C-alpha atoms as a PDB file:
ATOM      1  CA  MET A   1       0.051  -0.005   0.090  1.00  0.00           C
ATOM      2  CA  SER A   2       1.352   3.350  -1.102  1.00  0.00           C
ATOM      3  CA  LEU A   3       0.041   6.790  -0.043  1.00  0.00           C
ATOM      4  CA  VAL A   4       0.725  10.332  -1.118  1.00  0.00           C
ATOM      5  CA  ASP A   5       1.045  13.333   1.059  1.00  0.00           C
ATOM      6  CA  SER A   6      -0.290  15.889  -1.306  1.00  0.00           C
ATOM      7  CA  HIS A   7       0.480  18.988   0.810  1.00  0.00           C
ATOM      8  CA  CYS A   8       3.371  19.444   3.411  1.00  0.00           C
ATOM      9  CA  HIS A   9       5.844  22.106   4.236  1.00  0.00           C
ATOM     10  CA  LEU A  10       9.252  20.209   4.486  1.00  0.00           C
ATOM     11  CA  ASP A  11      11.204  23.502   4.385  1.00  0.00           C
ATOM     12  CA  PHE A  12       9.740  24.746   7.607  1.00  0.00           C
ATOM     13  CA  PRO A  13      12.038  25.171  10.663  1.00  0.00           C
ATOM     14  CA  ALA A  14      10.080  22.470  12.567  1.00  0.00           C
ATOM     15  CA  PHE A  15      11.916  19.922  10.486  1.00  0.00           C
ATOM     16  CA  GLU A  16      15.405  21.207  10.698  1.00  0.00           C
ATOM     17  CA  GLU A  17      16.740  19.089  13.569  1.00  0.00           C
ATOM     18  CA  ASP A  18      15.492  15.641  12.479  1.00  0.00           C
ATOM     19  CA  PHE A  19      14.746  15.995   8.785  1.00  0.00           C
ATOM     20  CA  ASP A  20      16.215  12.650   7.810  1.00  0.00           C
ATOM     21  CA  ALA A  21      14.328  10.881  10.444  1.00  0.00           C
ATOM     22  CA  VAL A  22      11.190  12.383   9.271  1.00  0.00           C
ATOM     23  CA  MET A  23      11.805  11.215   5.699  1.00  0.00           C
ATOM     24  CA  ALA A  24      12.670   7.643   6.897  1.00  0.00           C
ATOM     25  CA  ARG A  25       9.478   7.473   8.902  1.00  0.00           C
ATOM     26  CA  ALA A  26       7.517   8.590   5.808  1.00  0.00           C
ATOM     27  CA  ALA A  27       9.232   5.807   3.788  1.00  0.00           C
ATOM     28  CA  ASN A  28       8.520   3.203   6.398  1.00  0.00           C
ATOM     29  CA  ALA A  29       4.763   4.186   6.503  1.00  0.00           C
ATOM     30  CA  GLY A  30       4.426   3.752   2.797  1.00  0.00           C
ATOM     31  CA  ILE A  31       4.354   7.316   1.841  1.00  0.00           C
ATOM     32  CA  GLY A  32       5.605   7.056  -1.796  1.00  0.00           C
ATOM     33  CA  THR A  33       5.082  10.613  -2.887  1.00  0.00           C
ATOM     34  CA  MET A  34       5.167  14.013  -1.193  1.00  0.00           C
ATOM     35  CA  VAL A  35       4.631  17.518  -2.346  1.00  0.00           C
ATOM     36  CA  THR A  36       6.474  20.275  -0.387  1.00  0.00           C
ATOM     37  CA  ILE A  37       4.429  23.514  -0.723  1.00  0.00           C
ATOM     38  CA  CYS A  38       5.896  26.954  -1.478  1.00  0.00           C
ATOM     39  CA  THR A  39       4.383  29.730   0.625  1.00  0.00           C
ATOM     40  CA  HIS A  40       6.978  32.388  -0.081  1.00  0.00           C
ATOM     41  CA  LEU A  41       8.698  33.229  -3.249  1.00  0.00           C
ATOM     42  CA  SER A  42      11.723  34.358  -1.268  1.00  0.00           C
ATOM     43  CA  ARG A  43      12.049  30.785   0.024  1.00  0.00           C
ATOM     44  CA  PHE A  44      11.497  28.975  -3.274  1.00  0.00           C
ATOM     45  CA  ASP A  45      14.990  28.008  -3.810  1.00  0.00           C
ATOM     46  CA  ASN A  46      15.006  26.140  -0.511  1.00  0.00           C
ATOM     47  CA  VAL A  47      11.687  24.339  -1.441  1.00  0.00           C
ATOM     48  CA  LEU A  48      13.040  23.384  -4.750  1.00  0.00           C
ATOM     49  CA  ALA A  49      16.242  22.102  -3.350  1.00  0.00           C
ATOM     50  CA  ILE A  50      14.437  19.644  -1.061  1.00  0.00           C
ATOM     51  CA  ALA A  51      12.355  18.371  -4.102  1.00  0.00           C
ATOM     52  CA  ARG A  52      15.526  17.990  -6.215  1.00  0.00           C
ATOM     53  CA  ALA A  53      17.318  16.096  -3.463  1.00  0.00           C
ATOM     54  CA  HIS A  54      14.735  13.462  -2.696  1.00  0.00           C
ATOM     55  CA  ASP A  55      13.145  10.789  -5.024  1.00  0.00           C
ATOM     56  CA  GLY A  56       9.460  11.097  -4.810  1.00  0.00           C
ATOM     57  CA  VAL A  57       9.283  14.582  -3.392  1.00  0.00           C
ATOM     58  CA  TYR A  58       7.921  17.346  -5.656  1.00  0.00           C
ATOM     59  CA  CYS A  59       7.234  21.007  -4.984  1.00  0.00           C
ATOM     60  CA  THR A  60       5.004  23.945  -6.018  1.00  0.00           C
ATOM     61  CA  VAL A  61       5.700  27.602  -6.501  1.00  0.00           C
ATOM     62  CA  GLY A  62       3.419  30.260  -4.974  1.00  0.00           C
ATOM     63  CA  VAL A  63       2.756  32.921  -2.230  1.00  0.00           C
ATOM     64  CA  HIS A  64       0.318  32.015   0.595  1.00  0.00           C
ATOM     65  CA  PRO A  65      -2.373  34.671   1.033  1.00  0.00           C
ATOM     66  CA  HIS A  66      -0.888  35.602   4.396  1.00  0.00           C
ATOM     67  CA  GLU A  67       2.228  36.725   2.741  1.00  0.00           C
ATOM     68  CA  ALA A  68       0.318  38.653  -0.098  1.00  0.00           C
ATOM     69  CA  GLU A  69       1.141  42.094   1.184  1.00  0.00           C
ATOM     70  CA  GLU A  70       4.877  41.406   1.224  1.00  0.00           C
ATOM     71  CA  GLU A  71       5.491  38.986  -1.522  1.00  0.00           C
ATOM     72  CA  GLY A  72       2.174  38.904  -3.409  1.00  0.00           C
ATOM     73  CA  ILE A  73       2.293  39.190  -7.243  1.00  0.00           C
ATOM     74  CA  GLU A  74       0.464  41.206  -9.641  1.00  0.00           C
ATOM     75  CA  ARG A  75       1.444  39.331 -12.759  1.00  0.00           C
ATOM     76  CA  PRO A  76       1.979  35.534 -13.411  1.00  0.00           C
ATOM     77  CA  ASP A  77       5.184  35.822 -15.407  1.00  0.00           C
ATOM     78  CA  ARG A  78       7.723  34.949 -12.500  1.00  0.00           C
ATOM     79  CA  LEU A  79       5.495  32.060 -11.540  1.00  0.00           C
ATOM     80  CA  ILE A  80       5.387  30.646 -15.053  1.00  0.00           C
ATOM     81  CA  THR A  81       9.174  30.869 -15.363  1.00  0.00           C
ATOM     82  CA  LEU A  82       9.901  29.014 -12.146  1.00  0.00           C
ATOM     83  CA  ALA A  83       7.264  26.401 -12.888  1.00  0.00           C
ATOM     84  CA  GLN A  84       9.353  25.189 -15.814  1.00  0.00           C
ATOM     85  CA  ASP A  85      11.548  23.154 -13.455  1.00  0.00           C
ATOM     86  CA  GLU A  86      10.658  19.473 -13.727  1.00  0.00           C
ATOM     87  CA  ASN A  87      10.258  19.306 -10.002  1.00  0.00           C
ATOM     88  CA  VAL A  88       7.583  21.861  -9.918  1.00  0.00           C
ATOM     89  CA  ILE A  89       4.092  20.171 -10.334  1.00  0.00           C
ATOM     90  CA  GLY A  90       1.739  22.920  -8.981  1.00  0.00           C
ATOM     91  CA  ILE A  91       1.081  26.609  -8.543  1.00  0.00           C
ATOM     92  CA  GLY A  92       0.367  27.789  -5.078  1.00  0.00           C
ATOM     93  CA  GLU A  93      -0.491  27.617  -2.332  1.00  0.00           C
ATOM     94  CA  THR A  94      -2.616  30.742  -2.995  1.00  0.00           C
ATOM     95  CA  GLY A  95      -6.222  31.891  -2.243  1.00  0.00           C
ATOM     96  CA  LEU A  96      -8.014  33.996   0.373  1.00  0.00           C
ATOM     97  CA  ASP A  97      -7.789  34.039   4.196  1.00  0.00           C
ATOM     98  CA  TYR A  98     -10.254  36.454   5.715  1.00  0.00           C
ATOM     99  CA  TYR A  99      -9.915  34.845   9.164  1.00  0.00           C
ATOM    100  CA  TYR A 100      -6.491  36.212  10.039  1.00  0.00           C
ATOM    101  CA  GLU A 101      -6.312  38.869   7.245  1.00  0.00           C
ATOM    102  CA  HIS A 102      -2.500  39.248   7.553  1.00  0.00           C
ATOM    103  CA  SER A 103      -2.733  40.903   4.180  1.00  0.00           C
ATOM    104  CA  PRO A 104      -5.312  43.254   2.796  1.00  0.00           C
ATOM    105  CA  ARG A 105      -8.199  41.567   1.023  1.00  0.00           C
ATOM    106  CA  ASN A 106      -7.860  43.407  -2.311  1.00  0.00           C
ATOM    107  CA  VAL A 107      -4.078  42.416  -2.336  1.00  0.00           C
ATOM    108  CA  GLN A 108      -4.989  38.839  -1.668  1.00  0.00           C
ATOM    109  CA  ARG A 109      -7.566  38.784  -4.572  1.00  0.00           C
ATOM    110  CA  GLN A 110      -5.018  40.392  -6.898  1.00  0.00           C
ATOM    111  CA  SER A 111      -2.323  37.754  -5.974  1.00  0.00           C
ATOM    112  CA  PHE A 112      -4.895  34.985  -6.254  1.00  0.00           C
ATOM    113  CA  ARG A 113      -5.827  35.968  -9.796  1.00  0.00           C
ATOM    114  CA  ALA A 114      -2.258  36.164 -10.845  1.00  0.00           C
ATOM    115  CA  HIS A 115      -1.708  32.641  -9.569  1.00  0.00           C
ATOM    116  CA  ILE A 116      -4.682  31.403 -11.445  1.00  0.00           C
ATOM    117  CA  ALA A 117      -3.302  32.978 -14.578  1.00  0.00           C
ATOM    118  CA  ALA A 118      -0.024  31.097 -14.051  1.00  0.00           C
ATOM    119  CA  ALA A 119      -1.933  27.781 -13.533  1.00  0.00           C
ATOM    120  CA  ARG A 120      -3.824  28.293 -16.724  1.00  0.00           C
ATOM    121  CA  GLU A 121      -0.752  29.133 -18.850  1.00  0.00           C
ATOM    122  CA  THR A 122       1.312  26.287 -17.321  1.00  0.00           C
ATOM    123  CA  GLY A 123      -1.439  23.820 -17.176  1.00  0.00           C
ATOM    124  CA  LEU A 124      -0.425  22.893 -13.748  1.00  0.00           C
ATOM    125  CA  PRO A 125      -3.017  22.582 -10.868  1.00  0.00           C
ATOM    126  CA  LEU A 126      -3.788  25.428  -8.688  1.00  0.00           C
ATOM    127  CA  ILE A 127      -3.450  24.748  -4.863  1.00  0.00           C
ATOM    128  CA  VAL A 128      -6.074  26.791  -3.122  1.00  0.00           C
ATOM    129  CA  HIS A 129      -6.198  27.955   0.512  1.00  0.00           C
ATOM    130  CA  THR A 130      -9.609  29.405   1.569  1.00  0.00           C
ATOM    131  CA  ARG A 131     -10.625  30.375   5.105  1.00  0.00           C
ATOM    132  CA  ASP A 132     -13.653  32.459   6.051  1.00  0.00           C
ATOM    133  CA  ALA A 133     -13.762  33.508   2.328  1.00  0.00           C
ATOM    134  CA  ASP A 134     -15.819  30.959   0.550  1.00  0.00           C
ATOM    135  CA  GLU A 135     -18.003  33.232  -1.316  1.00  0.00           C
ATOM    136  CA  ASP A 136     -15.150  35.291  -2.827  1.00  0.00           C
ATOM    137  CA  THR A 137     -13.140  32.254  -3.476  1.00  0.00           C
ATOM    138  CA  ALA A 138     -15.937  30.545  -5.326  1.00  0.00           C
ATOM    139  CA  GLU A 139     -16.726  33.635  -7.241  1.00  0.00           C
ATOM    140  CA  ILE A 140     -13.182  34.188  -8.452  1.00  0.00           C
ATOM    141  CA  LEU A 141     -12.729  30.682  -9.416  1.00  0.00           C
ATOM    142  CA  ALA A 142     -15.899  30.498 -11.473  1.00  0.00           C
ATOM    143  CA  GLU A 143     -14.966  33.777 -13.162  1.00  0.00           C
ATOM    144  CA  GLU A 144     -11.502  32.560 -13.968  1.00  0.00           C
ATOM    145  CA  TYR A 145     -12.633  29.242 -15.122  1.00  0.00           C
ATOM    146  CA  LYS A 146     -14.716  30.868 -17.977  1.00  0.00           C
ATOM    147  CA  LYS A 147     -11.685  32.356 -19.337  1.00  0.00           C
ATOM    148  CA  GLY A 148      -9.988  29.004 -20.153  1.00  0.00           C
ATOM    149  CA  PRO A 149      -8.999  25.587 -18.849  1.00  0.00           C
ATOM    150  CA  LEU A 150      -8.109  25.374 -15.355  1.00  0.00           C
ATOM    151  CA  THR A 151      -7.314  22.484 -12.926  1.00  0.00           C
ATOM    152  CA  GLY A 152      -6.791  22.491  -9.131  1.00  0.00           C
ATOM    153  CA  LEU A 153      -7.831  21.632  -5.644  1.00  0.00           C
ATOM    154  CA  ILE A 154      -9.088  22.961  -2.366  1.00  0.00           C
ATOM    155  CA  HIS A 155      -6.399  22.108   0.116  1.00  0.00           C
ATOM    156  CA  CYS A 156      -6.931  21.255   3.760  1.00  0.00           C
ATOM    157  CA  PHE A 157     -10.822  21.367   3.081  1.00  0.00           C
ATOM    158  CA  SER A 158     -12.583  22.274   6.422  1.00  0.00           C
ATOM    159  CA  THR A 159     -15.326  24.401   5.167  1.00  0.00           C
ATOM    160  CA  SER A 160     -18.942  24.103   3.866  1.00  0.00           C
ATOM    161  CA  SER A 161     -20.591  21.887   1.298  1.00  0.00           C
ATOM    162  CA  TYR A 162     -21.206  25.126  -0.615  1.00  0.00           C
ATOM    163  CA  MET A 163     -17.447  25.429  -1.290  1.00  0.00           C
ATOM    164  CA  ALA A 164     -17.161  21.737  -2.111  1.00  0.00           C
ATOM    165  CA  GLU A 165     -19.921  21.929  -4.640  1.00  0.00           C
ATOM    166  CA  LYS A 166     -18.557  24.921  -6.271  1.00  0.00           C
ATOM    167  CA  ALA A 167     -15.138  23.389  -6.647  1.00  0.00           C
ATOM    168  CA  LEU A 168     -16.484  20.182  -7.870  1.00  0.00           C
ATOM    169  CA  ALA A 169     -18.548  21.936 -10.408  1.00  0.00           C
ATOM    170  CA  ILE A 170     -15.547  23.276 -12.147  1.00  0.00           C
ATOM    171  CA  GLY A 171     -13.593  19.976 -12.015  1.00  0.00           C
ATOM    172  CA  PHE A 172     -11.499  20.710  -9.050  1.00  0.00           C
ATOM    173  CA  TYR A 173     -10.601  18.137  -6.352  1.00  0.00           C
ATOM    174  CA  ILE A 174     -10.737  18.212  -2.510  1.00  0.00           C
ATOM    175  CA  SER A 175      -7.860  17.542  -0.258  1.00  0.00           C
ATOM    176  CA  LEU A 176      -8.462  16.367   3.281  1.00  0.00           C
ATOM    177  CA  SER A 177      -6.207  16.923   6.367  1.00  0.00           C
ATOM    178  CA  GLY A 178      -6.095  15.584   9.847  1.00  0.00           C
ATOM    179  CA  ILE A 179      -8.886  17.889  10.701  1.00  0.00           C
ATOM    180  CA  ILE A 180     -11.350  15.152   9.610  1.00  0.00           C
ATOM    181  CA  THR A 181     -10.197  13.125  12.690  1.00  0.00           C
ATOM    182  CA  PHE A 182     -10.732  15.894  15.239  1.00  0.00           C
ATOM    183  CA  LYS A 183     -13.501  15.269  17.717  1.00  0.00           C
ATOM    184  CA  ALA A 184     -15.249  18.589  17.050  1.00  0.00           C
ATOM    185  CA  ALA A 185     -15.365  17.939  13.242  1.00  0.00           C
ATOM    186  CA  GLU A 186     -18.475  15.833  12.762  1.00  0.00           C
ATOM    187  CA  ALA A 187     -20.192  18.514  10.504  1.00  0.00           C
ATOM    188  CA  LEU A 188     -17.127  18.299   8.259  1.00  0.00           C
ATOM    189  CA  ARG A 189     -17.150  14.504   8.269  1.00  0.00           C
ATOM    190  CA  GLU A 190     -20.749  14.585   7.288  1.00  0.00           C
ATOM    191  CA  THR A 191     -19.921  16.769   4.386  1.00  0.00           C
ATOM    192  CA  VAL A 192     -16.979  14.415   3.342  1.00  0.00           C
ATOM    193  CA  ARG A 193     -19.296  11.389   3.439  1.00  0.00           C
ATOM    194  CA  ALA A 194     -21.234  12.874   0.476  1.00  0.00           C
ATOM    195  CA  LEU A 195     -18.126  13.839  -1.602  1.00  0.00           C
ATOM    196  CA  PRO A 196     -17.126  11.515  -4.542  1.00  0.00           C
ATOM    197  CA  LEU A 197     -14.128   9.383  -3.659  1.00  0.00           C
ATOM    198  CA  ASP A 198     -12.710   9.775  -7.223  1.00  0.00           C
ATOM    199  CA  ARG A 199     -12.160  13.456  -6.396  1.00  0.00           C
ATOM    200  CA  LEU A 200     -10.527  13.377  -3.083  1.00  0.00           C
ATOM    201  CA  LEU A 201      -6.898  13.504  -2.002  1.00  0.00           C
ATOM    202  CA  ILE A 202      -5.283  13.300   1.362  1.00  0.00           C
ATOM    203  CA  GLU A 203      -2.601  15.599   3.038  1.00  0.00           C
ATOM    204  CA  THR A 204      -0.874  16.341   6.267  1.00  0.00           C
ATOM    205  CA  ASP A 205      -0.258  20.149   5.993  1.00  0.00           C
ATOM    206  CA  ALA A 206       2.748  19.283   8.158  1.00  0.00           C
ATOM    207  CA  PRO A 207       4.026  20.595  10.541  1.00  0.00           C
ATOM    208  CA  TYR A 208       0.373  21.691  11.362  1.00  0.00           C
ATOM    209  CA  LEU A 209      -2.757  19.826  12.096  1.00  0.00           C
ATOM    210  CA  ALA A 210      -1.519  16.378  13.285  1.00  0.00           C
ATOM    211  CA  PRO A 211      -4.431  13.857  13.035  1.00  0.00           C
ATOM    212  CA  VAL A 212      -5.817  11.862  15.997  1.00  0.00           C
ATOM    213  CA  PRO A 213      -4.031   9.899  17.621  1.00  0.00           C
ATOM    214  CA  LYS A 214      -1.105  12.275  17.132  1.00  0.00           C
ATOM    215  CA  ARG A 215      -3.162  15.381  17.969  1.00  0.00           C
ATOM    216  CA  GLY A 216      -0.997  17.977  19.753  1.00  0.00           C
ATOM    217  CA  LYS A 217       2.269  16.767  18.210  1.00  0.00           C
ATOM    218  CA  ARG A 218       4.273  18.305  15.350  1.00  0.00           C
ATOM    219  CA  ASN A 219       2.712  16.755  12.107  1.00  0.00           C
ATOM    220  CA  GLU A 220       4.742  15.004   9.593  1.00  0.00           C
ATOM    221  CA  PRO A 221       4.081  13.062   6.400  1.00  0.00           C
ATOM    222  CA  SER A 222       3.857   9.614   7.922  1.00  0.00           C
ATOM    223  CA  PHE A 223       0.894  10.693   9.856  1.00  0.00           C
ATOM    224  CA  VAL A 224      -1.060  10.841   6.554  1.00  0.00           C
ATOM    225  CA  ALA A 225      -2.040   7.288   7.004  1.00  0.00           C
ATOM    226  CA  HIS A 226      -4.183   8.219  10.034  1.00  0.00           C
ATOM    227  CA  THR A 227      -6.070  10.621   7.933  1.00  0.00           C
ATOM    228  CA  GLY A 228      -6.440   7.929   5.310  1.00  0.00           C
ATOM    229  CA  ALA A 229      -7.819   5.524   7.750  1.00  0.00           C
ATOM    230  CA  MET A 230     -10.456   8.118   8.879  1.00  0.00           C
ATOM    231  CA  LEU A 231     -11.412   8.772   5.164  1.00  0.00           C
ATOM    232  CA  ALA A 232     -11.661   5.063   4.427  1.00  0.00           C
ATOM    233  CA  ASP A 233     -14.104   4.625   7.385  1.00  0.00           C
ATOM    234  CA  LEU A 234     -16.150   7.563   6.167  1.00  0.00           C
ATOM    235  CA  LYS A 235     -16.303   6.261   2.759  1.00  0.00           C
ATOM    236  CA  GLN A 236     -16.905   2.693   3.972  1.00  0.00           C
ATOM    237  CA  VAL A 237     -14.024   1.186   1.881  1.00  0.00           C
ATOM    238  CA  GLY A 238     -11.027  -0.759   2.797  1.00  0.00           C
ATOM    239  CA  MET A 239      -7.701   0.956   3.302  1.00  0.00           C
ATOM    240  CA  ASP A 240      -6.229  -0.522   0.221  1.00  0.00           C
ATOM    241  CA  GLU A 241      -9.035   0.797  -1.926  1.00  0.00           C
ATOM    242  CA  LEU A 242      -8.761   4.145  -0.179  1.00  0.00           C
ATOM    243  CA  ALA A 243      -4.977   4.252  -0.971  1.00  0.00           C
ATOM    244  CA  ARG A 244      -5.442   3.266  -4.539  1.00  0.00           C
ATOM    245  CA  ALA A 245      -8.312   5.905  -5.126  1.00  0.00           C
ATOM    246  CA  THR A 246      -6.466   8.741  -3.482  1.00  0.00           C
ATOM    247  CA  THR A 247      -3.163   7.892  -5.186  1.00  0.00           C
ATOM    248  CA  ASP A 248      -4.816   7.655  -8.640  1.00  0.00           C
ATOM    249  CA  ASN A 249      -6.541  10.914  -8.108  1.00  0.00           C
ATOM    250  CA  PHE A 250      -3.254  12.557  -7.085  1.00  0.00           C
ATOM    251  CA  PHE A 251      -1.467  11.434 -10.325  1.00  0.00           C
ATOM    252  CA  ARG A 252      -4.576  12.270 -12.406  1.00  0.00           C
ATOM    253  CA  ILE A 253      -4.399  16.046 -11.321  1.00  0.00           C
ATOM    254  CA  PHE A 254      -0.629  16.183 -10.833  1.00  0.00           C
ATOM    255  CA  ALA A 255       0.025  14.848 -14.275  1.00  0.00           C
ATOM    256  CA  LYS A 256       3.630  16.210 -14.250  1.00  0.00           C
ATOM    257  CA  ALA A 257       4.656  13.832 -11.209  1.00  0.00           C
ATOM    258  CA  GLU A 258       5.969  10.503 -11.947  1.00  0.00           C
ATOM    259  CA  ARG A 259       4.227   7.413 -10.134  1.00  0.00           C
ATOM    260  CA  PRO A 260       6.737   5.365  -8.123  1.00  0.00           C
ATOM    261  CA  GLY A 261       7.808   2.107  -9.732  1.00  0.00           C
END
């Protein structure tokens, strides 16, 4: 059984002291592929270096909405150029976060649209972060989808069925994190039960959001198996079927990545 961690942050300081051990545990847990996600263009070189140095690890290029005021982009050109590297398989993470509002909303929206333009131009999937911004996120995605082909996913999905429906309607996928294992997440689990398995991925968002039974600890890619087990239970399928489905879904959307073996 092989699993994919479709979203983690291996360049973050939380992994500096035991990076090799983290990678070994991921391999031992059957995590065959990982995507380390770019959140700052100023750190892209470090993100790319990790992907280049490790088989089965890929990366993205983008600016998190939190960083849009300092590093947000108005045009897609630089993203398009950096995405030409064989190890870059997605654009983002990008999107809108109105919960913390570390960056002004208009700046977030502008940067989000530039990322979408880069995803359309490169044909790479868009990795979308949305928090307390479902209506604006859905509206922008719908508007941009009308301009031309666009693929992508809602990462760390923890919001409403409204957002899921809008994303699925334009062919996007939904990526689920350890949040689906949390005791207080029954409403989210109910939404997930209704989502089609052939449009679901799993992720850790490590070092954040460790799933039960690792809740409260630093998250790491090997823990994605716990999220997978919960999703298998919600979809009433065996773990092998869940692994095959989510892995197939990953390589369908991230077509630039090479399947192990």
